[in-house]
Amino acid sequence: MKKLRWAIDGELWELDASTPRTLEGAARAVPGKALPLGLSRGTKLFRPNQIDFMQRFMAAPFLPSYTHHLGVTIQRVLSIPVSENWSALLLGQFNLRKFLSSLKENGGGDGVRKRDLKSIGKLFLDKSLYALGFSSEVLLTPDDTLLLSSDSYYTHNSSSIPRKKAVFHHKGTILWEKYLKCRPLGSRPSPPPSKFPHHNLTVDAAWPALFVDKETGTYWDLPFSMAIDLASLPLDSGLSYHLCLHHNHGSPKQFQGDPIAQVPASLFPGVSAKCAFSYEKNVDIWRSKAQKLKMVQPYDVFLSNPHVSASGTIGAALSANFGESSVRLVEDAKDIKQLSYHNPTLKSTLLGDIFASMSFTAQHGNFQRLVSDLTRFHVRMDFPSGSKFLSGATLLVQDLLNSHQPSPEAVKMICPTTSLSLQQQIAGPFSFRVDSGVVIDFKDKGWHIQADQPVFAIEYALQVLWSAKAVAWYSPKHQEFMVELRFLES
């Protein structure tokens, strides 16, 4: 799908977005304009590992993907055995649309019928049909991994720039503990030992780094970007914190698109240090106490408990920015009354704000039967900037006191970022899912509500792995299709 996270993961932390536009299969989210909260990784395997898993255990000869710019491409990996804790993968991509176009252009209207095997074979020697990626992953400890990757593209355009990346990742075991709680007592393995079980740490450097603006869907390339991200992982309700240090270098350029969009302020060169503290409270309104089917394993243990629940989060964030990006951030937030300090001489800016989020989830079914055993609905409302909300509320009250019609600007400032998710079992492990944002069209006099960037997906639950699934998603607005593998995700 367009975003790595589903709607349930919310908008407060900028998670990576899935995209088939590069071999890596992901792009960083452009930090929010009012107060960027930083980088936070979602739960997924690195793209070459996903393809390798599907080749080995799902008998998939290759994985297809589609983008408007590249057309249909197919990918396959070659595993290079190194050692038990060290793996290397070679990822190859073949542009099927370009190959068929070349075949038709060189063979006339009859295509293949007018060409012999030798001439067809020469078409395969065209380097522009291919892209190659090499990745090496080292398991330093049971919780720590080091990933190095390099991708090469042979097309003759801006996307042919080689892309390199280095990532160190320490993963906490909270998600593992939640997973164990969903399994029967007799089948619970011991949790892996960890020195920091309640924290995720990511050190990420990429050159160039690909970013995506979640508001416009525009992709941006930065010559160099580095981030250090530390996030606490509360088991359920409670306090948590998030720290991030981010450095950008070089001028951002639009990736695969008409260079007419305005560059987001947070992508300009500079250094930013960010911290956020929040409190989350989860409440079960209703949870089924009915017995599940005996001797029948759910297709996904995270989706095996009918319930109705709600959650709320409130927190505060502080951001210190240095460099050109700090000047742009002040310009973007000049109309919002928030805690801020700007020093033009040092090109530094200090921004502070509060944020909040509310969500509601309802699920019917245990996801055990062949049909009609899973219906899930989720809605989430995020208020990324409390200062923006208060400023809009003040303007709205002034309009009402003066007997004026509420201005669209004031209503827009108080409206939360709303997202909906609906999942319905089709048959057995297959389910259909749609995720979409909800926005108000303020340009229309009637202020009509409409869907924003909907994503449609078919999920196939891998029952033998308790909580894993293959996901094939399509984004109509961005014209992207992709097949992914995910673990431990509700």
Protein backbone atom coordinates (compact mmCIF):
# COMPACT_ATOMS: atom_id res chain seq x y z
CA MET A 1 0.00 0.00 0.00
CA LYS A 2 0.99 3.59 -0.28
CA LYS A 3 1.87 3.84 3.39
CA LEU A 4 3.79 1.20 5.24
CA ARG A 5 1.52 1.67 8.22
CA TRP A 6 -2.20 1.02 8.14
CA ALA A 7 -4.51 3.69 9.50
CA ILE A 8 -4.30 2.10 12.94
CA ASP A 9 -0.69 3.24 13.29
CA GLY A 10 -1.67 6.89 13.10
CA GLU A 11 0.00 10.02 11.82
CA LEU A 12 1.85 11.32 14.88
CA TRP A 13 5.09 9.48 14.16
CA GLU A 14 6.40 9.67 10.61
CA LEU A 15 6.79 6.05 9.57
CA ASP A 16 8.32 4.91 6.31
CA ALA A 17 5.99 4.71 3.32
CA SER A 18 6.05 1.67 1.04
CA THR A 19 6.62 2.44 -2.63
CA PRO A 20 7.69 0.39 -5.67
CA ARG A 21 9.53 3.36 -7.17
CA THR A 22 12.91 2.14 -5.90
CA LEU A 23 14.46 -1.26 -5.22
CA GLU A 24 14.45 -0.51 -1.50
CA GLY A 25 10.67 -0.43 -1.59
CA ALA A 26 10.32 2.37 0.95
CA ALA A 27 10.56 6.14 1.33
CA ARG A 28 10.87 8.25 4.45
CA ALA A 29 7.95 10.49 5.30
CA VAL A 30 8.61 14.21 5.10
CA PRO A 31 8.40 15.48 8.71
CA GLY A 32 5.33 17.58 9.55
CA LYS A 33 5.47 21.27 8.72
CA ALA A 34 4.43 22.63 12.11
CA LEU A 35 6.61 20.44 14.31
CA PRO A 36 8.49 17.50 12.80
CA LEU A 37 8.57 14.59 15.23
CA GLY A 38 11.11 12.51 13.38
CA LEU A 39 11.77 9.06 12.12
CA SER A 40 10.10 5.93 13.47
CA ARG A 41 10.37 2.58 11.77
CA GLY A 42 7.44 0.27 11.21
CA THR A 43 7.51 -3.52 11.52
CA LYS A 44 8.66 -5.08 8.28
CA LEU A 45 11.43 -7.05 6.64
CA PHE A 46 13.86 -5.34 4.31
CA ARG A 47 12.55 -5.58 0.75
CA PRO A 48 15.07 -8.19 -0.56
CA ASN A 49 14.34 -10.38 2.49
CA GLN A 50 10.62 -10.22 1.74
CA ILE A 51 11.16 -11.43 -1.83
CA ASP A 52 13.56 -14.14 -0.65
CA PHE A 53 10.99 -15.40 1.88
CA MET A 54 8.23 -15.57 -0.72
CA GLN A 55 10.51 -17.40 -3.16
CA ARG A 56 11.49 -19.96 -0.54
CA PHE A 57 8.23 -20.61 1.30
CA MET A 58 5.44 -19.37 -0.96
CA ALA A 59 6.69 -20.72 -4.31
CA ALA A 60 6.68 -17.25 -5.85
CA PRO A 61 9.05 -17.20 -8.87
CA PHE A 62 9.11 -13.41 -8.82
CA LEU A 63 7.23 -10.44 -7.33
CA PRO A 64 5.43 -7.96 -9.61
CA SER A 65 4.99 -4.25 -8.98
CA TYR A 66 3.67 -1.28 -10.90
CA THR A 67 4.23 2.46 -11.01
CA HIS A 68 3.01 5.05 -13.47
CA HIS A 69 6.59 5.96 -14.44
CA LEU A 70 8.11 2.47 -14.75
CA GLY A 71 5.09 0.39 -15.68
CA VAL A 72 5.05 -3.29 -14.71
CA THR A 73 8.31 -4.62 -13.27
CA ILE A 74 9.20 -8.02 -11.86
CA GLN A 75 11.77 -8.71 -9.14
CA ARG A 76 13.71 -11.76 -8.03
CA VAL A 77 16.56 -12.26 -5.56
CA LEU A 78 19.57 -14.54 -5.39
CA SER A 79 20.69 -15.56 -1.91
CA ILE A 80 24.45 -15.66 -1.31
CA PRO A 81 25.27 -17.87 1.72
CA VAL A 82 27.93 -16.33 3.95
CA SER A 83 27.46 -17.52 7.54
CA GLU A 84 24.74 -18.19 10.10
CA ASN A 85 24.62 -14.55 11.25
CA TRP A 86 25.53 -12.91 7.95
CA SER A 87 23.41 -12.93 4.81
CA ALA A 88 23.79 -11.33 1.41
CA LEU A 89 21.17 -10.93 -1.29
CA LEU A 90 21.33 -9.83 -4.91
CA LEU A 91 18.07 -8.28 -6.13
CA GLY A 92 17.32 -7.99 -9.82
CA GLN A 93 14.50 -6.01 -11.42
CA PHE A 94 13.26 -6.37 -15.00
CA ASN A 95 11.10 -3.72 -16.68
CA LEU A 96 8.46 -5.78 -18.44
CA ARG A 97 6.56 -2.84 -19.95
CA LYS A 98 9.67 -1.39 -21.57
CA PHE A 99 10.67 -4.79 -22.94
CA LEU A 100 7.26 -5.35 -24.56
CA SER A 101 7.33 -1.82 -25.99
CA SER A 102 10.77 -2.45 -27.52
CA LEU A 103 9.56 -5.75 -28.90
CA LYS A 104 6.60 -4.10 -30.55
CA GLU A 105 8.59 -1.15 -31.93
CA ASN A 106 11.25 -3.35 -33.53
CA GLY A 107 8.87 -6.01 -34.79
CA GLY A 108 6.03 -3.95 -36.18
CA GLY A 109 2.44 -4.63 -35.38
CA ASP A 110 2.87 -8.41 -35.30
CA GLY A 111 5.53 -8.16 -32.57
CA VAL A 112 6.96 -11.57 -31.74
CA ARG A 113 5.78 -13.29 -34.92
CA LYS A 114 8.07 -11.16 -37.13
CA ARG A 115 11.18 -11.70 -35.02
CA ASP A 116 13.41 -14.70 -34.55
CA LEU A 117 14.80 -15.86 -31.22
CA LYS A 118 18.21 -14.31 -31.89
CA SER A 119 16.86 -10.81 -32.45
CA ILE A 120 14.59 -11.15 -29.43
CA GLY A 121 17.57 -12.23 -27.36
CA LYS A 122 19.40 -9.02 -28.30
CA LEU A 123 16.64 -7.02 -26.68
CA PHE A 124 17.49 -8.63 -23.33
CA LEU A 125 20.98 -7.08 -23.59
CA ASP A 126 19.52 -3.59 -23.21
CA LYS A 127 20.79 -2.39 -19.83
CA SER A 128 17.96 0.08 -19.42
CA LEU A 129 15.62 -2.87 -18.79
CA TYR A 130 17.40 -3.79 -15.56
CA ALA A 131 18.11 -2.57 -12.07
CA LEU A 132 20.36 -4.39 -9.60
CA GLY A 133 20.60 -4.14 -5.84
CA PHE A 134 23.01 -5.72 -3.40
CA SER A 135 22.32 -5.91 0.32
CA SER A 136 24.19 -7.45 3.22
CA GLU A 137 22.68 -7.94 6.67
CA VAL A 138 24.69 -8.87 9.75
CA LEU A 139 23.00 -10.09 12.93
CA LEU A 140 25.25 -8.56 15.60
CA THR A 141 23.11 -9.80 18.53
CA PRO A 142 19.62 -11.35 18.70
CA ASP A 143 18.23 -7.78 18.82
CA ASP A 144 20.78 -5.79 16.78
CA THR A 145 21.25 -5.83 13.01
CA LEU A 146 23.48 -3.93 10.59
CA LEU A 147 22.29 -3.51 7.01
CA LEU A 148 24.30 -2.24 4.05
CA SER A 149 22.74 -1.84 0.62
CA SER A 150 23.59 -0.43 -2.80
CA ASP A 151 21.18 -0.12 -5.73
CA SER A 152 22.09 0.62 -9.35
CA TYR A 153 19.68 1.73 -12.06
CA TYR A 154 20.46 1.72 -15.77
CA THR A 155 17.68 3.94 -17.07
CA HIS A 156 18.65 7.22 -18.70
CA ASN A 157 16.86 9.66 -16.43
CA SER A 158 17.03 11.17 -12.96
CA SER A 159 16.06 7.88 -11.30
CA SER A 160 19.26 6.23 -12.53
CA ILE A 161 21.33 7.67 -9.67
CA PRO A 162 22.92 4.86 -7.59
CA ARG A 163 21.40 4.67 -4.12
CA LYS A 164 23.33 3.56 -1.02
CA LYS A 165 22.17 3.01 2.52
CA ALA A 166 23.48 1.90 5.92
CA VAL A 167 21.15 1.06 8.82
CA PHE A 168 21.80 -0.09 12.37
CA HIS A 169 18.67 -1.25 14.12
CA HIS A 170 17.99 -2.40 17.68
CA LYS A 171 14.48 -3.76 18.13
CA GLY A 172 12.68 -4.06 21.44
CA THR A 173 10.79 -7.20 22.41
CA ILE A 174 7.46 -5.57 23.31
CA LEU A 175 5.84 -6.70 20.08
CA TRP A 176 7.16 -10.21 20.73
CA GLU A 177 5.61 -10.17 24.22
CA LYS A 178 2.25 -9.07 22.79
CA TYR A 179 2.52 -11.89 20.25
CA LEU A 180 3.22 -14.45 22.98
CA LYS A 181 0.17 -13.33 24.97
CA CYS A 182 -2.04 -14.20 22.00
CA ARG A 183 -0.71 -17.77 21.78
CA PRO A 184 -1.91 -20.73 23.88
CA LEU A 185 0.05 -21.32 27.06
CA GLY A 186 1.47 -24.63 25.89
CA SER A 187 2.93 -23.15 22.71
CA ARG A 188 4.61 -20.05 24.09
CA PRO A 189 8.38 -20.06 23.56
CA SER A 190 10.60 -18.13 25.92
CA PRO A 191 11.03 -14.50 24.90
CA PRO A 192 14.48 -13.66 23.52
CA PRO A 193 16.84 -12.03 26.04
CA SER A 194 17.35 -8.31 25.56
CA LYS A 195 19.31 -5.61 27.34
CA PHE A 196 16.85 -2.92 26.18
CA PRO A 197 13.51 -4.72 25.67
CA HIS A 198 11.40 -1.55 25.79
CA HIS A 199 13.26 0.56 23.21
CA ASN A 200 13.78 0.77 19.48
CA LEU A 201 16.99 2.40 18.23
CA THR A 202 17.66 3.16 14.57
CA VAL A 203 20.73 4.81 13.04
CA ASP A 204 20.11 5.42 9.36
CA ALA A 205 22.25 7.03 6.64
CA ALA A 206 21.26 7.20 2.97
CA TRP A 207 22.73 8.90 -0.10
CA PRO A 208 20.59 9.93 -1.78
CA ALA A 209 17.60 9.58 0.57
CA LEU A 210 14.07 9.31 -0.80
CA PHE A 211 11.28 11.22 0.97
CA VAL A 212 7.56 11.40 0.26
CA ASP A 213 5.24 14.26 1.17
CA LYS A 214 2.13 12.61 2.65
CA GLU A 215 -0.01 15.67 1.80
CA THR A 216 0.81 15.96 -1.91
CA GLY A 217 2.24 12.51 -2.65
CA THR A 218 5.35 14.13 -4.15
CA TYR A 219 8.68 12.29 -3.88
CA TRP A 220 11.93 14.11 -3.09
CA ASP A 221 15.57 13.09 -3.30
CA LEU A 222 18.12 14.46 -0.83
CA PRO A 223 21.85 14.05 -1.63
CA PHE A 224 22.51 12.89 1.95
CA SER A 225 20.39 12.32 5.03
CA MET A 226 21.16 10.77 8.40
CA ALA A 227 18.92 10.11 11.39
CA ILE A 228 19.36 8.69 14.89
CA ASP A 229 16.04 7.64 16.40
CA LEU A 230 15.27 6.30 19.88
CA ALA A 231 11.72 5.42 20.91
CA SER A 232 10.38 3.76 24.03
CA LEU A 233 7.81 1.00 23.57
CA PRO A 234 5.14 0.82 26.28
CA LEU A 235 3.47 -2.58 26.57
CA ASP A 236 -0.01 -1.06 26.72
CA SER A 237 -1.15 2.15 28.37
CA GLY A 238 1.37 4.49 29.94
CA LEU A 239 4.11 7.02 29.33
CA SER A 240 6.50 6.91 26.40
CA TYR A 241 9.12 9.16 24.83
CA HIS A 242 10.71 9.67 21.46
CA LEU A 243 14.10 11.24 20.64
CA CYS A 244 15.52 11.96 17.20
CA LEU A 245 18.57 13.67 15.70
CA HIS A 246 18.31 14.39 11.98
CA HIS A 247 20.83 15.85 9.50
CA ASN A 248 20.15 16.83 5.88
CA HIS A 249 22.81 17.88 3.38
CA GLY A 250 22.39 19.17 -0.16
CA SER A 251 19.52 20.62 -2.14
CA PRO A 252 16.35 18.49 -2.44
CA LYS A 253 15.18 17.58 -5.94
CA GLN A 254 11.84 16.21 -7.03
CA PHE A 255 11.95 12.51 -7.86
CA GLN A 256 10.05 11.23 -10.92
CA GLY A 257 7.69 14.09 -11.50
CA ASP A 258 7.30 17.58 -12.92
CA PRO A 259 9.58 19.91 -10.91
CA ILE A 260 6.82 22.35 -9.98
CA ALA A 261 6.00 21.39 -6.38
CA GLN A 262 7.20 23.50 -3.46
CA VAL A 263 9.99 21.94 -1.45
CA PRO A 264 8.91 21.11 2.16
CA ALA A 265 10.73 23.25 4.71
CA SER A 266 12.05 20.30 6.73
CA LEU A 267 14.00 18.94 3.72
CA PHE A 268 16.34 21.89 3.39
CA PRO A 269 19.93 21.48 4.68
CA GLY A 270 20.31 21.59 8.43
CA VAL A 271 20.33 19.69 11.69
CA SER A 272 17.33 19.09 13.93
CA ALA A 273 17.06 17.58 17.40
CA LYS A 274 13.59 16.53 18.50
CA CYS A 275 12.01 15.01 21.58
CA ALA A 276 8.44 14.09 22.44
CA PHE A 277 6.74 12.71 25.54
CA SER A 278 3.26 11.25 25.51
CA TYR A 279 0.75 9.36 27.62
CA GLU A 280 -1.50 6.74 26.06
CA LYS A 281 -4.60 5.16 27.56
CA ASN A 282 -6.35 2.13 26.06
CA VAL A 283 -9.87 1.16 27.18
CA ASP A 284 -11.82 -1.99 26.36
CA ILE A 285 -15.46 -1.01 25.95
CA TRP A 286 -16.41 -4.61 25.25
CA ARG A 287 -14.43 -7.81 24.73
CA SER A 288 -15.96 -11.16 23.88
CA LYS A 289 -15.67 -13.90 26.50
CA ALA A 290 -17.07 -16.59 24.21
CA GLN A 291 -14.97 -19.69 23.70
CA LYS A 292 -13.06 -19.98 20.45
CA LEU A 293 -13.27 -23.05 18.24
CA LYS A 294 -11.23 -25.84 19.80
CA MET A 295 -8.34 -27.34 17.86
CA VAL A 296 -8.66 -24.63 15.21
CA GLN A 297 -5.79 -22.15 14.98
CA PRO A 298 -6.79 -18.58 14.01
CA TYR A 299 -5.46 -17.34 10.71
CA ASP A 300 -3.90 -14.42 12.62
CA VAL A 301 -3.63 -14.41 16.42
CA PHE A 302 -3.70 -10.59 16.52
CA LEU A 303 -7.13 -10.67 14.86
CA SER A 304 -8.69 -13.47 16.92
CA ASN A 305 -10.49 -11.51 19.67
CA PRO A 306 -13.83 -9.78 18.99
CA HIS A 307 -13.89 -6.48 20.84
CA VAL A 308 -14.79 -2.80 20.89
CA SER A 309 -12.06 -0.52 22.21
CA ALA A 310 -10.92 3.10 22.29
CA SER A 311 -7.63 4.80 22.96
CA GLY A 312 -6.36 8.31 23.51
CA THR A 313 -2.93 9.90 23.44
CA ILE A 314 -1.75 13.31 24.57
CA GLY A 315 1.77 14.63 24.57
CA ALA A 316 4.21 17.47 24.08
CA ALA A 317 7.10 17.87 21.66
CA LEU A 318 10.11 20.14 21.36
CA SER A 319 12.27 20.68 18.28
CA ALA A 320 15.59 22.54 17.90
CA ASN A 321 16.57 23.27 14.29
CA PHE A 322 19.81 24.67 12.88
CA GLY A 323 20.57 25.72 9.32
CA GLU A 324 18.46 26.71 6.32
CA SER A 325 15.61 24.40 7.36
CA SER A 326 15.10 26.39 10.57
CA VAL A 327 14.36 29.59 8.60
CA ARG A 328 11.82 27.81 6.39
CA LEU A 329 10.07 26.21 9.37
CA VAL A 330 9.57 29.61 11.01
CA GLU A 331 8.03 30.94 7.78
CA ASP A 332 5.63 27.97 7.59
CA ALA A 333 4.52 28.37 11.20
CA LYS A 334 4.34 32.18 11.34
CA ASP A 335 0.53 32.18 11.50
CA ILE A 336 0.41 29.70 14.38
CA LYS A 337 0.81 30.92 17.95
CA GLN A 338 3.12 28.36 19.51
CA LEU A 339 6.18 28.19 21.71
CA SER A 340 8.92 29.37 19.37
CA TYR A 341 12.25 31.18 19.33
CA HIS A 342 14.25 32.14 16.26
CA ASN A 343 17.81 33.49 16.07
CA PRO A 344 18.50 34.74 12.51
CA THR A 345 22.21 35.20 13.19
CA LEU A 346 22.76 31.58 14.19
CA LYS A 347 20.05 30.29 11.83
CA SER A 348 18.46 28.41 14.71
CA THR A 349 14.87 27.85 15.73
CA LEU A 350 13.23 26.34 18.79
CA LEU A 351 9.65 25.10 18.40
CA GLY A 352 7.37 23.59 21.01
CA ASP A 353 3.88 22.19 20.71
CA ILE A 354 1.36 19.71 22.09
CA PHE A 355 -0.44 16.94 20.21
CA ALA A 356 -3.26 14.49 20.77
CA SER A 357 -4.91 11.50 19.15
CA MET A 358 -8.10 9.47 19.56
CA SER A 359 -9.06 6.15 18.00
CA PHE A 360 -11.94 3.67 17.99
CA THR A 361 -11.80 0.01 16.93
CA ALA A 362 -14.56 -2.58 16.55
CA GLN A 363 -14.05 -6.20 15.49
CA HIS A 364 -16.48 -9.05 14.90
CA GLY A 365 -15.33 -12.65 14.51
CA ASN A 366 -12.37 -14.78 15.61
CA PHE A 367 -10.86 -15.25 12.12
CA GLN A 368 -11.05 -19.05 12.50
CA ARG A 369 -13.90 -20.10 10.20
CA LEU A 370 -13.77 -20.21 6.41
CA VAL A 371 -16.22 -17.35 5.81
CA SER A 372 -17.85 -14.44 7.64
CA ASP A 373 -15.56 -14.62 10.66
CA LEU A 374 -13.76 -11.28 10.47
CA THR A 375 -15.10 -7.75 10.13
CA ARG A 376 -12.92 -4.99 11.50
CA PHE A 377 -13.45 -1.23 11.56
CA HIS A 378 -11.03 1.41 12.79
CA VAL A 379 -11.18 5.20 12.86
CA ARG A 380 -8.49 7.53 14.11
CA MET A 381 -8.37 11.29 14.62
CA ASP A 382 -5.01 12.99 15.09
CA PHE A 383 -4.30 16.54 16.22
CA PRO A 384 -0.58 16.94 15.33
CA SER A 385 -0.44 20.56 16.50
CA GLY A 386 -2.28 21.78 19.58
CA SER A 387 -1.21 25.37 18.86
CA LYS A 388 -2.75 25.21 15.41
CA PHE A 389 -5.97 23.81 16.90
CA LEU A 390 -6.16 26.57 19.55
CA SER A 391 -5.45 29.28 16.95
CA GLY A 392 -8.23 27.94 14.74
CA ALA A 393 -10.62 27.67 17.69
CA THR A 394 -9.91 31.30 18.62
CA LEU A 395 -10.65 32.49 15.10
CA LEU A 396 -13.81 30.39 15.02
CA VAL A 397 -15.10 31.87 18.30
CA GLN A 398 -14.38 35.40 17.03
CA ASP A 399 -16.37 34.73 13.87
CA LEU A 400 -19.31 33.42 15.88
CA LEU A 401 -19.24 36.32 18.35
CA ASN A 402 -19.21 38.79 15.47
CA SER A 403 -22.11 36.93 13.80
CA HIS A 404 -19.91 36.07 10.85
CA GLN A 405 -19.92 32.83 8.95
CA PRO A 406 -17.00 30.63 10.12
CA SER A 407 -14.06 31.05 7.78
CA PRO A 408 -12.75 27.95 5.96
CA GLU A 409 -9.27 28.66 7.32
CA ALA A 410 -10.48 28.50 10.94
CA VAL A 411 -12.46 25.29 10.39
CA LYS A 412 -9.52 23.71 8.58
CA MET A 413 -7.19 24.46 11.49
CA ILE A 414 -9.40 22.70 14.04
CA CYS A 415 -10.19 19.67 11.90
CA PRO A 416 -8.15 16.58 12.89
CA THR A 417 -6.33 14.33 10.47
CA THR A 418 -8.87 11.55 10.14
CA SER A 419 -8.32 8.07 8.74
CA LEU A 420 -10.59 5.06 8.33
CA SER A 421 -9.83 1.38 7.90
CA LEU A 422 -12.22 -1.46 7.02
CA GLN A 423 -11.25 -5.12 6.74
CA GLN A 424 -13.55 -7.97 5.70
CA GLN A 425 -12.77 -11.67 5.38
CA ILE A 426 -13.35 -13.03 1.87
CA ALA A 427 -12.70 -16.75 2.40
CA GLY A 428 -10.26 -18.62 4.60
CA PRO A 429 -7.03 -16.64 5.04
CA PHE A 430 -7.99 -14.08 2.37
CA SER A 431 -9.41 -10.72 3.39
CA PHE A 432 -10.11 -7.41 1.69
CA ARG A 433 -8.97 -4.17 3.23
CA VAL A 434 -9.39 -0.52 2.39
CA ASP A 435 -7.67 2.38 4.15
CA SER A 436 -8.41 6.01 3.43
CA GLY A 437 -8.02 9.45 4.83
CA VAL A 438 -11.07 11.69 5.21
CA VAL A 439 -10.86 15.36 4.26
CA ILE A 440 -13.22 18.29 3.79
CA ASP A 441 -13.10 20.08 0.46
CA PHE A 442 -13.05 23.71 1.62
CA LYS A 443 -12.89 24.96 -1.97
CA ASP A 444 -16.42 23.68 -2.46
CA LYS A 445 -19.11 25.94 -1.00
CA GLY A 446 -20.87 22.92 0.46
CA TRP A 447 -17.69 21.73 2.26
CA HIS A 448 -18.25 18.18 1.07
CA ILE A 449 -16.46 15.30 2.77
CA GLN A 450 -14.37 13.09 0.50
CA ALA A 451 -11.89 10.22 0.64
CA ASP A 452 -8.20 11.12 0.60
CA GLN A 453 -5.61 8.79 -0.95
CA PRO A 454 -7.54 5.51 -0.55
CA VAL A 455 -5.58 2.26 -0.66
CA PHE A 456 -7.14 -1.10 -1.56
CA ALA A 457 -5.53 -4.38 -0.56
CA ILE A 458 -5.95 -8.14 -0.53
CA GLU A 459 -4.33 -9.84 2.47
CA TYR A 460 -3.33 -13.49 2.72
CA ALA A 461 -2.73 -14.57 6.32
CA LEU A 462 0.11 -17.09 6.77
CA GLN A 463 -1.60 -19.21 9.39
CA VAL A 464 1.40 -21.41 10.15
CA LEU A 465 3.37 -18.35 11.32
CA TRP A 466 0.60 -17.24 13.74
CA SER A 467 0.78 -13.57 12.75
CA ALA A 468 2.17 -12.92 9.28
CA LYS A 469 0.62 -12.00 5.96
CA ALA A 470 1.29 -11.27 2.33
CA VAL A 471 -0.32 -8.03 1.20
CA ALA A 472 -1.06 -6.95 -2.37
CA TRP A 473 -2.12 -3.30 -2.43
CA TYR A 474 -3.01 -0.67 -5.00
CA SER A 475 -3.16 3.13 -4.68
CA PRO A 476 -5.40 4.68 -7.38
CA LYS A 477 -4.27 8.25 -6.76
CA HIS A 478 -0.56 7.49 -7.02
CA GLN A 479 -0.99 4.61 -9.48
CA GLU A 480 1.21 2.20 -7.52
CA PHE A 481 0.87 -1.53 -6.95
CA MET A 482 3.05 -3.68 -4.72
CA VAL A 483 3.20 -7.05 -2.98
CA GLU A 484 4.65 -7.06 0.55
CA LEU A 485 5.27 -9.38 3.47
CA ARG A 486 4.48 -8.28 7.03
CA PHE A 487 4.85 -9.77 10.48
CA LEU A 488 3.20 -9.09 13.86
CA GLU A 489 0.84 -6.42 12.57
CA SER A 490 -2.76 -5.81 13.58
